[in-house]
């Protein structure tokens, strides 16, 4: 109140009204609803790329080891893990599946060649588009090539 007994023209109450709070929460909920699926899809894509990279790196490591040591080295697929020679198993991310197009492990020889192999790395269905990458080992050269998304 002013000295005249009238309310002060610029008197403000501290805090927020219920309407202001509800509008703020509604906007925050809308933003979260839009961004969460994108973040989840990005995480899934990152795990897929990591799984495909693990397979490619494992094949390249097996080939390099065979050339370096002069002894044939195999890369075997055991369930959801890769085993290079006598090394420790490397587990793939849970959201990735791996299938081999051959019945036996791929073997790399000291001259860099290998028995031909094909691996398919796929993302498991998580509501997003299924991704697939093919990794091919060419027998006559031991070259490792990737194709797919």
C-alpha atoms as a PDB file:
ATOM      1  CA  UNK A   1       0.000   0.000   0.000  1.00  0.00           C
ATOM      2  CA  UNK A   2       1.048   3.516  -0.670  1.00  0.00           C
ATOM      3  CA  UNK A   3       0.854   6.463   1.704  1.00  0.00           C
ATOM      4  CA  UNK A   4      -2.556   7.336   0.244  1.00  0.00           C
ATOM      5  CA  UNK A   5      -4.028   3.953   1.132  1.00  0.00           C
ATOM      6  CA  UNK A   6      -4.183   2.689  -2.410  1.00  0.00           C
ATOM      7  CA  UNK A   7      -2.339  -0.431  -3.592  1.00  0.00           C
ATOM      8  CA  UNK A   8       1.112   0.268  -4.929  1.00  0.00           C
ATOM      9  CA  UNK A   9       1.036   0.247  -8.756  1.00  0.00           C
ATOM     10  CA  UNK A  10       4.070  -2.046  -9.127  1.00  0.00           C
ATOM     11  CA  UNK A  11       3.611  -4.424  -6.234  1.00  0.00           C
ATOM     12  CA  UNK A  12       4.442  -7.976  -7.323  1.00  0.00           C
ATOM     13  CA  UNK A  13       4.002 -11.221  -5.526  1.00  0.00           C
ATOM     14  CA  UNK A  14       7.061 -13.453  -5.430  1.00  0.00           C
ATOM     15  CA  UNK A  15       6.897 -16.893  -7.100  1.00  0.00           C
ATOM     16  CA  UNK A  16       5.034 -18.423 -10.022  1.00  0.00           C
ATOM     17  CA  UNK A  17       1.380 -19.024 -10.635  1.00  0.00           C
ATOM     18  CA  UNK A  18       0.028 -22.512 -11.109  1.00  0.00           C
ATOM     19  CA  UNK A  19      -0.668 -21.791 -14.781  1.00  0.00           C
ATOM     20  CA  UNK A  20       2.947 -20.717 -15.368  1.00  0.00           C
ATOM     21  CA  UNK A  21       4.217 -23.906 -13.729  1.00  0.00           C
ATOM     22  CA  UNK A  22       1.892 -26.140 -15.788  1.00  0.00           C
ATOM     23  CA  UNK A  23       2.885 -24.446 -19.046  1.00  0.00           C
ATOM     24  CA  UNK A  24       6.578 -24.862 -18.172  1.00  0.00           C
ATOM     25  CA  UNK A  25       6.110 -28.560 -17.345  1.00  0.00           C
ATOM     26  CA  UNK A  26       4.136 -29.138 -20.545  1.00  0.00           C
ATOM     27  CA  UNK A  27       6.890 -27.574 -22.648  1.00  0.00           C
ATOM     28  CA  UNK A  28       9.570 -29.599 -20.842  1.00  0.00           C
ATOM     29  CA  UNK A  29       7.567 -32.800 -21.401  1.00  0.00           C
ATOM     30  CA  UNK A  30       7.156 -32.011 -25.086  1.00  0.00           C
ATOM     31  CA  UNK A  31      10.876 -31.410 -25.531  1.00  0.00           C
ATOM     32  CA  UNK A  32      11.726 -34.647 -23.677  1.00  0.00           C
ATOM     33  CA  UNK A  33       9.230 -36.594 -25.783  1.00  0.00           C
ATOM     34  CA  UNK A  34      10.826 -35.339 -28.982  1.00  0.00           C
ATOM     35  CA  UNK A  35      14.482 -35.792 -27.999  1.00  0.00           C
ATOM     36  CA  UNK A  36      14.415 -39.142 -26.138  1.00  0.00           C
ATOM     37  CA  UNK A  37      13.737 -41.344 -29.213  1.00  0.00           C
ATOM     38  CA  UNK A  38      16.492 -39.558 -31.112  1.00  0.00           C
ATOM     39  CA  UNK A  39      18.992 -40.113 -28.321  1.00  0.00           C
ATOM     40  CA  UNK A  40      17.984 -43.768 -28.062  1.00  0.00           C
ATOM     41  CA  UNK A  41      18.365 -44.247 -31.837  1.00  0.00           C
ATOM     42  CA  UNK A  42      21.779 -42.566 -31.759  1.00  0.00           C
ATOM     43  CA  UNK A  43      22.954 -44.871 -28.964  1.00  0.00           C
ATOM     44  CA  UNK A  44      21.762 -47.914 -30.912  1.00  0.00           C
ATOM     45  CA  UNK A  45      23.605 -46.725 -34.026  1.00  0.00           C
ATOM     46  CA  UNK A  46      26.790 -46.204 -32.012  1.00  0.00           C
ATOM     47  CA  UNK A  47      26.622 -49.735 -30.572  1.00  0.00           C
ATOM     48  CA  UNK A  48      26.055 -51.149 -34.057  1.00  0.00           C
ATOM     49  CA  UNK A  49      29.086 -49.326 -35.451  1.00  0.00           C
ATOM     50  CA  UNK A  50      31.160 -50.453 -32.469  1.00  0.00           C
ATOM     51  CA  UNK A  51      30.139 -54.095 -33.010  1.00  0.00           C
ATOM     52  CA  UNK A  52      30.958 -53.974 -36.721  1.00  0.00           C
ATOM     53  CA  UNK A  53      34.299 -52.318 -35.952  1.00  0.00           C
ATOM     54  CA  UNK A  54      35.127 -55.046 -33.413  1.00  0.00           C
ATOM     55  CA  UNK A  55      34.617 -57.747 -36.049  1.00  0.00           C
ATOM     56  CA  UNK A  56      36.679 -55.889 -38.669  1.00  0.00           C
ATOM     57  CA  UNK A  57      39.452 -55.107 -36.191  1.00  0.00           C
ATOM     58  CA  UNK A  58      39.477 -58.733 -35.009  1.00  0.00           C
ATOM     59  CA  UNK A  59      39.896 -59.986 -38.565  1.00  0.00           C
ATOM     60  CA  UNK A  60      42.681 -57.496 -39.257  1.00  0.00           C
ATOM     61  CA  UNK A  61      44.412 -58.384 -35.991  1.00  0.00           C
ATOM     62  CA  UNK A  62      44.267 -62.106 -36.823  1.00  0.00           C
ATOM     63  CA  UNK A  63      45.752 -61.475 -40.281  1.00  0.00           C
ATOM     64  CA  UNK A  64      48.500 -59.250 -38.868  1.00  0.00           C
ATOM     65  CA  UNK A  65      49.325 -61.826 -36.188  1.00  0.00           C
ATOM     66  CA  UNK A  66      49.638 -64.603 -38.797  1.00  0.00           C
ATOM     67  CA  UNK A  67      51.967 -62.487 -40.927  1.00  0.00           C
ATOM     68  CA  UNK A  68      54.014 -61.352 -37.915  1.00  0.00           C
ATOM     69  CA  UNK A  69      54.463 -64.783 -36.310  1.00  0.00           C
ATOM     70  CA  UNK A  70      54.596 -66.946 -39.438  1.00  0.00           C
ATOM     71  CA  UNK A  71      51.934 -69.247 -37.943  1.00  0.00           C
ATOM     72  CA  UNK A  72      48.306 -69.589 -39.155  1.00  0.00           C
ATOM     73  CA  UNK A  73      45.816 -67.740 -36.920  1.00  0.00           C
ATOM     74  CA  UNK A  74      42.080 -68.387 -36.750  1.00  0.00           C
ATOM     75  CA  UNK A  75      39.199 -66.157 -35.803  1.00  0.00           C
ATOM     76  CA  UNK A  76      36.311 -68.189 -34.413  1.00  0.00           C
ATOM     77  CA  UNK A  77      32.776 -67.120 -33.650  1.00  0.00           C
ATOM     78  CA  UNK A  78      31.556 -68.625 -30.385  1.00  0.00           C
ATOM     79  CA  UNK A  79      28.056 -67.469 -29.579  1.00  0.00           C
ATOM     80  CA  UNK A  80      28.263 -63.699 -29.217  1.00  0.00           C
ATOM     81  CA  UNK A  81      32.040 -63.561 -28.890  1.00  0.00           C
ATOM     82  CA  UNK A  82      35.019 -63.530 -31.212  1.00  0.00           C
ATOM     83  CA  UNK A  83      38.100 -65.562 -30.358  1.00  0.00           C
ATOM     84  CA  UNK A  84      41.366 -64.745 -32.135  1.00  0.00           C
ATOM     85  CA  UNK A  85      43.795 -67.638 -31.963  1.00  0.00           C
ATOM     86  CA  UNK A  86      44.492 -68.403 -28.307  1.00  0.00           C
ATOM     87  CA  UNK A  87      43.563 -64.879 -27.205  1.00  0.00           C
ATOM     88  CA  UNK A  88      40.843 -63.695 -24.897  1.00  0.00           C
ATOM     89  CA  UNK A  89      37.277 -63.669 -26.234  1.00  0.00           C
ATOM     90  CA  UNK A  90      35.872 -60.322 -27.348  1.00  0.00           C
ATOM     91  CA  UNK A  91      32.160 -59.893 -26.551  1.00  0.00           C
ATOM     92  CA  UNK A  92      29.961 -57.981 -28.970  1.00  0.00           C
ATOM     93  CA  UNK A  93      27.457 -55.367 -27.756  1.00  0.00           C
ATOM     94  CA  UNK A  94      24.076 -56.800 -26.737  1.00  0.00           C
ATOM     95  CA  UNK A  95      22.215 -54.922 -29.465  1.00  0.00           C
ATOM     96  CA  UNK A  96      24.302 -56.547 -32.237  1.00  0.00           C
ATOM     97  CA  UNK A  97      24.011 -60.012 -33.766  1.00  0.00           C
ATOM     98  CA  UNK A  98      26.708 -61.681 -35.844  1.00  0.00           C
ATOM     99  CA  UNK A  99      26.321 -64.559 -38.269  1.00  0.00           C
ATOM    100  CA  UNK A 100      28.980 -66.301 -40.324  1.00  0.00           C
ATOM    101  CA  UNK A 101      28.400 -67.399 -43.897  1.00  0.00           C
ATOM    102  CA  UNK A 102      30.664 -70.435 -43.437  1.00  0.00           C
ATOM    103  CA  UNK A 103      30.732 -73.406 -41.085  1.00  0.00           C
ATOM    104  CA  UNK A 104      34.330 -73.066 -39.949  1.00  0.00           C
ATOM    105  CA  UNK A 105      36.451 -70.302 -38.425  1.00  0.00           C
ATOM    106  CA  UNK A 106      38.386 -68.117 -40.833  1.00  0.00           C
ATOM    107  CA  UNK A 107      42.096 -68.921 -40.905  1.00  0.00           C
ATOM    108  CA  UNK A 108      44.760 -66.413 -41.928  1.00  0.00           C
ATOM    109  CA  UNK A 109      48.096 -67.753 -43.201  1.00  0.00           C
ATOM    110  CA  UNK A 110      51.605 -66.307 -42.876  1.00  0.00           C
ATOM    111  CA  UNK A 111      51.618 -65.143 -46.514  1.00  0.00           C
ATOM    112  CA  UNK A 112      48.551 -62.944 -45.806  1.00  0.00           C
ATOM    113  CA  UNK A 113      46.023 -65.185 -47.552  1.00  0.00           C
ATOM    114  CA  UNK A 114      43.008 -66.727 -45.846  1.00  0.00           C
ATOM    115  CA  UNK A 115      40.174 -69.088 -46.452  1.00  0.00           C
ATOM    116  CA  UNK A 116      37.240 -66.982 -47.757  1.00  0.00           C
ATOM    117  CA  UNK A 117      34.700 -65.834 -45.200  1.00  0.00           C
ATOM    118  CA  UNK A 118      31.587 -63.694 -44.922  1.00  0.00           C
ATOM    119  CA  UNK A 119      30.197 -62.195 -41.726  1.00  0.00           C
ATOM    120  CA  UNK A 120      26.913 -60.327 -41.319  1.00  0.00           C
ATOM    121  CA  UNK A 121      26.655 -57.860 -38.489  1.00  0.00           C
ATOM    122  CA  UNK A 122      23.090 -56.742 -37.761  1.00  0.00           C
ATOM    123  CA  UNK A 123      21.466 -54.536 -35.203  1.00  0.00           C
ATOM    124  CA  UNK A 124      18.796 -56.311 -33.254  1.00  0.00           C
ATOM    125  CA  UNK A 125      15.257 -55.002 -33.672  1.00  0.00           C
ATOM    126  CA  UNK A 126      14.795 -52.197 -31.158  1.00  0.00           C
ATOM    127  CA  UNK A 127      12.015 -50.349 -32.891  1.00  0.00           C
ATOM    128  CA  UNK A 128      14.510 -48.553 -35.123  1.00  0.00           C
ATOM    129  CA  UNK A 129      15.472 -49.532 -38.629  1.00  0.00           C
ATOM    130  CA  UNK A 130      17.552 -52.703 -38.773  1.00  0.00           C
ATOM    131  CA  UNK A 131      21.114 -51.975 -39.831  1.00  0.00           C
ATOM    132  CA  UNK A 132      23.319 -54.528 -41.551  1.00  0.00           C
ATOM    133  CA  UNK A 133      26.967 -54.594 -42.522  1.00  0.00           C
ATOM    134  CA  UNK A 134      28.697 -57.359 -44.453  1.00  0.00           C
ATOM    135  CA  UNK A 135      32.348 -58.060 -43.820  1.00  0.00           C
ATOM    136  CA  UNK A 136      34.045 -60.167 -46.477  1.00  0.00           C
ATOM    137  CA  UNK A 137      37.432 -61.859 -46.320  1.00  0.00           C
ATOM    138  CA  UNK A 138      38.850 -62.544 -49.779  1.00  0.00           C
ATOM    139  CA  UNK A 139      40.813 -65.790 -49.715  1.00  0.00           C
ATOM    140  CA  UNK A 140      43.463 -65.138 -52.365  1.00  0.00           C
ATOM    141  CA  UNK A 141      44.621 -61.868 -50.821  1.00  0.00           C
ATOM    142  CA  UNK A 142      43.304 -61.923 -47.245  1.00  0.00           C
ATOM    143  CA  UNK A 143      41.817 -58.487 -47.918  1.00  0.00           C
ATOM    144  CA  UNK A 144      38.964 -57.530 -45.555  1.00  0.00           C
ATOM    145  CA  UNK A 145      36.170 -55.386 -47.012  1.00  0.00           C
ATOM    146  CA  UNK A 146      33.031 -53.926 -45.478  1.00  0.00           C
ATOM    147  CA  UNK A 147      29.808 -53.133 -47.274  1.00  0.00           C
ATOM    148  CA  UNK A 148      26.386 -51.977 -46.194  1.00  0.00           C
ATOM    149  CA  UNK A 149      25.003 -49.145 -44.177  1.00  0.00           C
END
